[in-house]
Amino acid sequence: MNAGPPNYGRSTPYGFTLIELLLSLAATSVILGAAYAALFSGLSGFQYSSQKTEALTILQRALDRMTHNLSCLYISDSSQLFRVSDDIRDLGPLGEIPNDSLLFLAFANYLTWEERPQSDLAELEYLIDVDEETPAKWLIQRMDSPVDEDRESGGVIRLVGPRVIGMDIHLYNGSEWVEEWGSRDGLPSIVNITLYMQMADDQISKKRIETLSANVWLPEQDSRHNSGTGEGEPSGASG
């Protein structure tokens, strides 16, 4: 029995037309695109959440150290030092960030210098500076003991918080919040500290900034050390 000629042009149940293949490819592309977008979004959210947790942990540790030092503040009629300088710095794409500094005397009992007179009383300064080895902005602690006449330099530098790019300090003087404090103005009642930290520099968290604040109630003192005259309770730091 002879087979007939090939049946060109007739559809068979064993193949797909070009249109069917194109539609299948289009549907597959849409499904894969949606799956990729969902996966990328989930990974991005997880990565950002991890970076945020790390940032808040670093900020909390830095604030804890500052709070501990301020709770050991040195109060004396003859030798008083507590100074806050208010400043701001333009960081380009990140905008203007507060760049305050804090200088005070406190009892610090973890001094380890050798061949020098030892004292629990130390000059402490907190400010934002650039670490030359990283290089990146850090929250810096400068500690100098024994206390001398030079209140602007000396001592040992410690790196407290990496990528801390700003610090904003407000002080309650008994009647209102102020942004600066002189070294001979006595002591404020409350110190409000806000630290600004830049997230890791990647495509997910680029240009994002985390902040964390803390209030520090200073030890009670004689009223002549307080520059404020009001007796009202503070409602919160301004700014």
C-alpha atoms as a PDB file:
ATOM      1  CA  MET A   1       0.000   0.000   0.000  1.00  0.00           C
ATOM      2  CA  ASN A   2       1.516   3.260  -1.112  1.00  0.00           C
ATOM      3  CA  ALA A   3       1.546   6.272   1.189  1.00  0.00           C
ATOM      4  CA  GLY A   4       0.023   9.377  -0.197  1.00  0.00           C
ATOM      5  CA  PRO A   5       1.932  12.574  -0.736  1.00  0.00           C
ATOM      6  CA  PRO A   6       2.934  14.670   2.343  1.00  0.00           C
ATOM      7  CA  ASN A   7       0.069  16.661   3.770  1.00  0.00           C
ATOM      8  CA  TYR A   8       1.726  20.103   3.859  1.00  0.00           C
ATOM      9  CA  GLY A   9      -0.262  22.994   5.232  1.00  0.00           C
ATOM     10  CA  ARG A  10      -2.620  20.942   7.363  1.00  0.00           C
ATOM     11  CA  SER A  11      -2.505  21.200  11.144  1.00  0.00           C
ATOM     12  CA  THR A  12      -1.803  18.066  13.134  1.00  0.00           C
ATOM     13  CA  PRO A  13      -2.420  17.331  16.819  1.00  0.00           C
ATOM     14  CA  TYR A  14       1.324  16.785  17.384  1.00  0.00           C
ATOM     15  CA  GLY A  15       2.732  20.372  17.043  1.00  0.00           C
ATOM     16  CA  PHE A  16       2.291  24.070  17.883  1.00  0.00           C
ATOM     17  CA  THR A  17       1.832  26.989  15.626  1.00  0.00           C
ATOM     18  CA  LEU A  18       4.207  29.961  15.710  1.00  0.00           C
ATOM     19  CA  ILE A  19       1.531  32.128  17.313  1.00  0.00           C
ATOM     20  CA  GLU A  20       1.034  29.603  20.110  1.00  0.00           C
ATOM     21  CA  LEU A  21       4.772  29.517  20.775  1.00  0.00           C
ATOM     22  CA  LEU A  22       4.978  33.318  20.913  1.00  0.00           C
ATOM     23  CA  LEU A  23       2.032  33.486  23.323  1.00  0.00           C
ATOM     24  CA  SER A  24       3.625  30.835  25.534  1.00  0.00           C
ATOM     25  CA  LEU A  25       6.938  32.713  25.607  1.00  0.00           C
ATOM     26  CA  ALA A  26       5.158  35.969  26.468  1.00  0.00           C
ATOM     27  CA  ALA A  27       3.219  34.350  29.313  1.00  0.00           C
ATOM     28  CA  THR A  28       6.387  32.699  30.645  1.00  0.00           C
ATOM     29  CA  SER A  29       8.229  36.025  30.556  1.00  0.00           C
ATOM     30  CA  VAL A  30       5.470  37.737  32.529  1.00  0.00           C
ATOM     31  CA  ILE A  31       5.435  34.999  35.166  1.00  0.00           C
ATOM     32  CA  LEU A  32       9.233  34.977  35.525  1.00  0.00           C
ATOM     33  CA  GLY A  33       9.298  38.777  35.730  1.00  0.00           C
ATOM     34  CA  ALA A  34       6.706  38.812  38.501  1.00  0.00           C
ATOM     35  CA  ALA A  35       8.551  36.078  40.415  1.00  0.00           C
ATOM     36  CA  TYR A  36      11.857  37.955  40.108  1.00  0.00           C
ATOM     37  CA  ALA A  37      10.289  41.210  41.284  1.00  0.00           C
ATOM     38  CA  ALA A  38       8.755  39.480  44.315  1.00  0.00           C
ATOM     39  CA  LEU A  39      12.047  37.748  45.160  1.00  0.00           C
ATOM     40  CA  PHE A  40      14.093  40.954  44.750  1.00  0.00           C
ATOM     41  CA  SER A  41      11.631  42.907  46.885  1.00  0.00           C
ATOM     42  CA  GLY A  42      11.822  40.305  49.629  1.00  0.00           C
ATOM     43  CA  LEU A  43      15.623  40.226  49.588  1.00  0.00           C
ATOM     44  CA  SER A  44      15.796  44.034  49.573  1.00  0.00           C
ATOM     45  CA  GLY A  45      13.451  44.265  52.533  1.00  0.00           C
ATOM     46  CA  PHE A  46      15.410  41.648  54.480  1.00  0.00           C
ATOM     47  CA  GLN A  47      18.730  43.338  53.741  1.00  0.00           C
ATOM     48  CA  TYR A  48      17.435  46.782  54.715  1.00  0.00           C
ATOM     49  CA  SER A  49      15.914  45.387  57.908  1.00  0.00           C
ATOM     50  CA  SER A  50      19.267  43.835  58.838  1.00  0.00           C
ATOM     51  CA  GLN A  51      21.137  47.062  58.130  1.00  0.00           C
ATOM     52  CA  LYS A  52      18.627  49.085  60.138  1.00  0.00           C
ATOM     53  CA  THR A  53      18.960  46.757  63.119  1.00  0.00           C
ATOM     54  CA  GLU A  54      22.749  47.037  62.931  1.00  0.00           C
ATOM     55  CA  ALA A  55      22.563  50.838  62.718  1.00  0.00           C
ATOM     56  CA  LEU A  56      20.231  51.165  65.700  1.00  0.00           C
ATOM     57  CA  THR A  57      22.445  48.826  67.734  1.00  0.00           C
ATOM     58  CA  ILE A  58      25.514  50.964  67.034  1.00  0.00           C
ATOM     59  CA  LEU A  59      23.637  54.165  67.853  1.00  0.00           C
ATOM     60  CA  GLN A  60      22.262  52.711  71.093  1.00  0.00           C
ATOM     61  CA  ARG A  61      25.724  51.644  72.249  1.00  0.00           C
ATOM     62  CA  ALA A  62      27.117  55.102  71.500  1.00  0.00           C
ATOM     63  CA  LEU A  63      24.280  56.806  73.379  1.00  0.00           C
ATOM     64  CA  ASP A  64      24.727  54.412  76.307  1.00  0.00           C
ATOM     65  CA  ARG A  65      28.386  55.398  76.607  1.00  0.00           C
ATOM     66  CA  MET A  66      27.575  59.107  76.462  1.00  0.00           C
ATOM     67  CA  THR A  67      24.758  58.665  78.987  1.00  0.00           C
ATOM     68  CA  HIS A  68      27.075  56.802  81.367  1.00  0.00           C
ATOM     69  CA  ASN A  69      29.720  59.535  81.152  1.00  0.00           C
ATOM     70  CA  LEU A  70      27.182  62.301  81.680  1.00  0.00           C
ATOM     71  CA  SER A  71      25.725  60.497  84.698  1.00  0.00           C
ATOM     72  CA  CYS A  72      29.205  60.745  86.270  1.00  0.00           C
ATOM     73  CA  LEU A  73      29.451  64.473  85.600  1.00  0.00           C
ATOM     74  CA  TYR A  74      31.806  66.448  87.837  1.00  0.00           C
ATOM     75  CA  ILE A  75      30.137  69.264  89.777  1.00  0.00           C
ATOM     76  CA  SER A  76      32.287  71.816  91.576  1.00  0.00           C
ATOM     77  CA  ASP A  77      32.129  75.481  92.550  1.00  0.00           C
ATOM     78  CA  SER A  78      35.789  76.022  91.717  1.00  0.00           C
ATOM     79  CA  SER A  79      36.222  74.048  88.496  1.00  0.00           C
ATOM     80  CA  GLN A  80      33.147  73.910  86.314  1.00  0.00           C
ATOM     81  CA  LEU A  81      33.248  72.806  82.678  1.00  0.00           C
ATOM     82  CA  PHE A  82      30.293  71.969  80.483  1.00  0.00           C
ATOM     83  CA  ARG A  83      30.165  73.263  76.924  1.00  0.00           C
ATOM     84  CA  VAL A  84      28.044  72.504  73.870  1.00  0.00           C
ATOM     85  CA  SER A  85      28.916  74.026  70.503  1.00  0.00           C
ATOM     86  CA  ASP A  86      26.118  74.220  67.947  1.00  0.00           C
ATOM     87  CA  ASP A  87      27.101  73.692  64.327  1.00  0.00           C
ATOM     88  CA  ILE A  88      25.732  72.317  61.069  1.00  0.00           C
ATOM     89  CA  ARG A  89      27.469  70.768  58.066  1.00  0.00           C
ATOM     90  CA  ASP A  90      26.371  70.406  54.464  1.00  0.00           C
ATOM     91  CA  LEU A  91      26.984  66.817  53.338  1.00  0.00           C
ATOM     92  CA  GLY A  92      25.909  67.274  49.730  1.00  0.00           C
ATOM     93  CA  PRO A  93      23.373  64.598  48.696  1.00  0.00           C
ATOM     94  CA  LEU A  94      22.544  63.946  52.353  1.00  0.00           C
ATOM     95  CA  GLY A  95      21.677  67.594  52.977  1.00  0.00           C
ATOM     96  CA  GLU A  96      22.491  69.640  56.077  1.00  0.00           C
ATOM     97  CA  ILE A  97      23.243  67.566  59.175  1.00  0.00           C
ATOM     98  CA  PRO A  98      23.775  68.897  62.739  1.00  0.00           C
ATOM     99  CA  ASN A  99      27.429  68.750  63.745  1.00  0.00           C
ATOM    100  CA  ASP A 100      27.424  69.662  67.448  1.00  0.00           C
ATOM    101  CA  SER A 101      30.161  68.881  69.964  1.00  0.00           C
ATOM    102  CA  LEU A 102      30.090  68.257  73.720  1.00  0.00           C
ATOM    103  CA  LEU A 103      32.851  68.945  76.258  1.00  0.00           C
ATOM    104  CA  PHE A 104      32.635  68.267  80.012  1.00  0.00           C
ATOM    105  CA  LEU A 105      34.394  66.911  83.087  1.00  0.00           C
ATOM    106  CA  ALA A 106      33.371  63.543  84.489  1.00  0.00           C
ATOM    107  CA  PHE A 107      34.626  60.707  86.663  1.00  0.00           C
ATOM    108  CA  ALA A 108      35.858  57.911  84.418  1.00  0.00           C
ATOM    109  CA  ASN A 109      37.259  54.902  86.248  1.00  0.00           C
ATOM    110  CA  TYR A 110      38.612  52.930  83.303  1.00  0.00           C
ATOM    111  CA  LEU A 111      41.833  54.866  82.651  1.00  0.00           C
ATOM    112  CA  THR A 112      44.802  52.641  81.758  1.00  0.00           C
ATOM    113  CA  TRP A 113      47.668  55.027  80.983  1.00  0.00           C
ATOM    114  CA  GLU A 114      51.054  54.043  82.314  1.00  0.00           C
ATOM    115  CA  GLU A 115      53.827  56.295  83.640  1.00  0.00           C
ATOM    116  CA  ARG A 116      51.356  59.141  84.145  1.00  0.00           C
ATOM    117  CA  PRO A 117      49.511  60.380  87.218  1.00  0.00           C
ATOM    118  CA  GLN A 118      46.242  58.510  87.492  1.00  0.00           C
ATOM    119  CA  SER A 119      42.929  60.191  88.248  1.00  0.00           C
ATOM    120  CA  ASP A 120      39.282  59.271  87.992  1.00  0.00           C
ATOM    121  CA  LEU A 121      38.525  62.817  86.859  1.00  0.00           C
ATOM    122  CA  ALA A 122      38.848  63.253  83.098  1.00  0.00           C
ATOM    123  CA  GLU A 123      38.123  65.779  80.415  1.00  0.00           C
ATOM    124  CA  LEU A 124      35.704  64.224  77.920  1.00  0.00           C
ATOM    125  CA  GLU A 125      34.779  65.526  74.496  1.00  0.00           C
ATOM    126  CA  TYR A 126      32.387  64.019  71.950  1.00  0.00           C
ATOM    127  CA  LEU A 127      32.396  65.193  68.346  1.00  0.00           C
ATOM    128  CA  ILE A 128      32.075  63.987  64.744  1.00  0.00           C
ATOM    129  CA  ASP A 129      35.333  63.502  62.864  1.00  0.00           C
ATOM    130  CA  VAL A 130      36.837  61.483  60.015  1.00  0.00           C
ATOM    131  CA  ASP A 131      38.874  58.390  60.759  1.00  0.00           C
ATOM    132  CA  GLU A 132      41.890  58.494  58.452  1.00  0.00           C
ATOM    133  CA  GLU A 133      42.241  54.714  58.309  1.00  0.00           C
ATOM    134  CA  THR A 134      38.672  53.918  57.262  1.00  0.00           C
ATOM    135  CA  PRO A 135      38.102  56.678  55.929  1.00  0.00           C
ATOM    136  CA  ALA A 136      34.626  57.393  57.238  1.00  0.00           C
ATOM    137  CA  LYS A 137      32.900  59.707  59.661  1.00  0.00           C
ATOM    138  CA  TRP A 138      32.795  58.497  63.256  1.00  0.00           C
ATOM    139  CA  LEU A 139      31.518  59.638  66.589  1.00  0.00           C
ATOM    140  CA  ILE A 140      34.772  60.384  68.422  1.00  0.00           C
ATOM    141  CA  GLN A 141      35.454  60.394  72.139  1.00  0.00           C
ATOM    142  CA  ARG A 142      38.498  62.321  73.378  1.00  0.00           C
ATOM    143  CA  MET A 143      39.539  61.614  76.966  1.00  0.00           C
ATOM    144  CA  ASP A 144      42.275  63.547  78.752  1.00  0.00           C
ATOM    145  CA  SER A 145      43.403  62.872  82.324  1.00  0.00           C
ATOM    146  CA  PRO A 146      44.672  64.346  84.549  1.00  0.00           C
ATOM    147  CA  VAL A 147      42.732  67.491  83.739  1.00  0.00           C
ATOM    148  CA  ASP A 148      44.981  70.359  82.692  1.00  0.00           C
ATOM    149  CA  GLU A 149      44.634  73.933  81.468  1.00  0.00           C
ATOM    150  CA  ASP A 150      44.405  72.909  77.801  1.00  0.00           C
ATOM    151  CA  ARG A 151      40.736  72.051  77.281  1.00  0.00           C
ATOM    152  CA  GLU A 152      40.900  71.768  73.466  1.00  0.00           C
ATOM    153  CA  SER A 153      43.375  68.936  72.858  1.00  0.00           C
ATOM    154  CA  GLY A 154      45.384  66.127  74.403  1.00  0.00           C
ATOM    155  CA  GLY A 155      44.463  62.747  75.731  1.00  0.00           C
ATOM    156  CA  VAL A 156      43.410  59.585  73.923  1.00  0.00           C
ATOM    157  CA  ILE A 157      41.030  59.333  70.965  1.00  0.00           C
ATOM    158  CA  ARG A 158      38.488  56.506  70.859  1.00  0.00           C
ATOM    159  CA  LEU A 159      36.243  55.630  67.937  1.00  0.00           C
ATOM    160  CA  VAL A 160      32.744  55.202  69.355  1.00  0.00           C
ATOM    161  CA  GLY A 161      30.326  54.935  66.424  1.00  0.00           C
ATOM    162  CA  PRO A 162      31.115  54.147  62.759  1.00  0.00           C
ATOM    163  CA  ARG A 163      29.240  56.071  60.052  1.00  0.00           C
ATOM    164  CA  VAL A 164      27.793  58.447  62.663  1.00  0.00           C
ATOM    165  CA  ILE A 165      27.679  61.563  60.505  1.00  0.00           C
ATOM    166  CA  GLY A 166      25.905  64.003  62.795  1.00  0.00           C
ATOM    167  CA  MET A 167      25.028  64.892  66.368  1.00  0.00           C
ATOM    168  CA  ASP A 168      22.320  67.294  67.525  1.00  0.00           C
ATOM    169  CA  ILE A 169      22.239  68.426  71.168  1.00  0.00           C
ATOM    170  CA  HIS A 170      19.498  70.379  72.935  1.00  0.00           C
ATOM    171  CA  LEU A 171      19.669  71.487  76.556  1.00  0.00           C
ATOM    172  CA  TYR A 172      16.918  72.328  79.005  1.00  0.00           C
ATOM    173  CA  ASN A 173      17.909  75.215  81.272  1.00  0.00           C
ATOM    174  CA  GLY A 174      14.898  75.104  83.568  1.00  0.00           C
ATOM    175  CA  SER A 175      12.541  77.152  81.425  1.00  0.00           C
ATOM    176  CA  GLU A 176      13.287  76.397  77.757  1.00  0.00           C
ATOM    177  CA  TRP A 177      15.341  74.291  75.372  1.00  0.00           C
ATOM    178  CA  VAL A 178      18.516  75.890  73.995  1.00  0.00           C
ATOM    179  CA  GLU A 179      21.070  74.718  71.429  1.00  0.00           C
ATOM    180  CA  GLU A 180      24.321  76.063  72.914  1.00  0.00           C
ATOM    181  CA  TRP A 181      25.890  76.146  76.348  1.00  0.00           C
ATOM    182  CA  GLY A 182      28.868  78.074  77.663  1.00  0.00           C
ATOM    183  CA  SER A 183      31.575  76.551  79.819  1.00  0.00           C
ATOM    184  CA  ARG A 184      30.710  78.921  82.681  1.00  0.00           C
ATOM    185  CA  ASP A 185      26.912  78.779  82.456  1.00  0.00           C
ATOM    186  CA  GLY A 186      26.579  76.107  85.115  1.00  0.00           C
ATOM    187  CA  LEU A 187      24.758  72.938  84.114  1.00  0.00           C
ATOM    188  CA  PRO A 188      21.487  72.322  82.276  1.00  0.00           C
ATOM    189  CA  SER A 189      18.799  70.125  83.786  1.00  0.00           C
ATOM    190  CA  ILE A 190      18.415  67.805  80.800  1.00  0.00           C
ATOM    191  CA  VAL A 191      20.585  67.003  77.802  1.00  0.00           C
ATOM    192  CA  ASN A 192      18.857  65.672  74.687  1.00  0.00           C
ATOM    193  CA  ILE A 193      21.219  63.946  72.235  1.00  0.00           C
ATOM    194  CA  THR A 194      20.289  62.815  68.715  1.00  0.00           C
ATOM    195  CA  LEU A 195      22.780  60.848  66.617  1.00  0.00           C
ATOM    196  CA  TYR A 196      22.579  60.559  62.818  1.00  0.00           C
ATOM    197  CA  MET A 197      23.982  57.482  61.105  1.00  0.00           C
ATOM    198  CA  GLN A 198      24.378  56.851  57.378  1.00  0.00           C
ATOM    199  CA  MET A 199      23.282  53.411  56.270  1.00  0.00           C
ATOM    200  CA  ALA A 200      25.653  51.144  54.337  1.00  0.00           C
ATOM    201  CA  ASP A 201      26.457  52.536  50.894  1.00  0.00           C
ATOM    202  CA  ASP A 202      24.648  50.179  48.500  1.00  0.00           C
ATOM    203  CA  GLN A 203      21.802  50.359  46.025  1.00  0.00           C
ATOM    204  CA  ILE A 204      19.184  49.445  48.625  1.00  0.00           C
ATOM    205  CA  SER A 205      19.910  51.818  51.477  1.00  0.00           C
ATOM    206  CA  LYS A 206      21.981  54.497  49.747  1.00  0.00           C
ATOM    207  CA  LYS A 207      21.433  57.995  51.148  1.00  0.00           C
ATOM    208  CA  ARG A 208      19.233  56.670  53.958  1.00  0.00           C
ATOM    209  CA  ILE A 209      19.870  57.985  57.469  1.00  0.00           C
ATOM    210  CA  GLU A 210      18.857  56.459  60.784  1.00  0.00           C
ATOM    211  CA  THR A 211      18.516  58.574  63.940  1.00  0.00           C
ATOM    212  CA  LEU A 212      18.263  57.728  67.616  1.00  0.00           C
ATOM    213  CA  SER A 213      17.754  60.056  70.580  1.00  0.00           C
ATOM    214  CA  ALA A 214      18.201  59.929  74.325  1.00  0.00           C
ATOM    215  CA  ASN A 215      17.483  62.270  77.225  1.00  0.00           C
ATOM    216  CA  VAL A 216      20.006  62.524  80.054  1.00  0.00           C
ATOM    217  CA  TRP A 217      18.936  64.027  83.366  1.00  0.00           C
ATOM    218  CA  LEU A 218      22.009  65.570  84.959  1.00  0.00           C
ATOM    219  CA  PRO A 219      22.758  65.266  88.680  1.00  0.00           C
ATOM    220  CA  GLU A 220      21.033  67.808  90.886  1.00  0.00           C
ATOM    221  CA  GLN A 221      23.006  70.914  91.701  1.00  0.00           C
ATOM    222  CA  ASP A 222      22.779  74.186  93.555  1.00  0.00           C
ATOM    223  CA  SER A 223      20.505  76.676  91.822  1.00  0.00           C
ATOM    224  CA  ARG A 224      23.370  79.130  91.240  1.00  0.00           C
ATOM    225  CA  HIS A 225      24.808  76.671  88.704  1.00  0.00           C
ATOM    226  CA  ASN A 226      21.662  76.781  86.567  1.00  0.00           C
ATOM    227  CA  SER A 227      21.371  79.517  83.992  1.00  0.00           C
ATOM    228  CA  GLY A 228      17.591  79.132  83.730  1.00  0.00           C
ATOM    229  CA  THR A 229      15.069  80.722  86.060  1.00  0.00           C
ATOM    230  CA  GLY A 230      11.891  78.863  85.165  1.00  0.00           C
ATOM    231  CA  GLU A 231      10.512  75.987  87.177  1.00  0.00           C
ATOM    232  CA  GLY A 232       8.240  74.422  84.559  1.00  0.00           C
ATOM    233  CA  GLU A 233       8.615  70.888  83.302  1.00  0.00           C
ATOM    234  CA  PRO A 234      10.093  70.417  79.806  1.00  0.00           C
ATOM    235  CA  SER A 235       7.802  69.224  77.067  1.00  0.00           C
ATOM    236  CA  GLY A 236      10.555  67.937  74.787  1.00  0.00           C
ATOM    237  CA  ALA A 237      13.537  69.130  72.799  1.00  0.00           C
ATOM    238  CA  SER A 238      12.896  71.530  69.962  1.00  0.00           C
ATOM    239  CA  GLY A 239      14.102  70.942  66.459  1.00  0.00           C
END
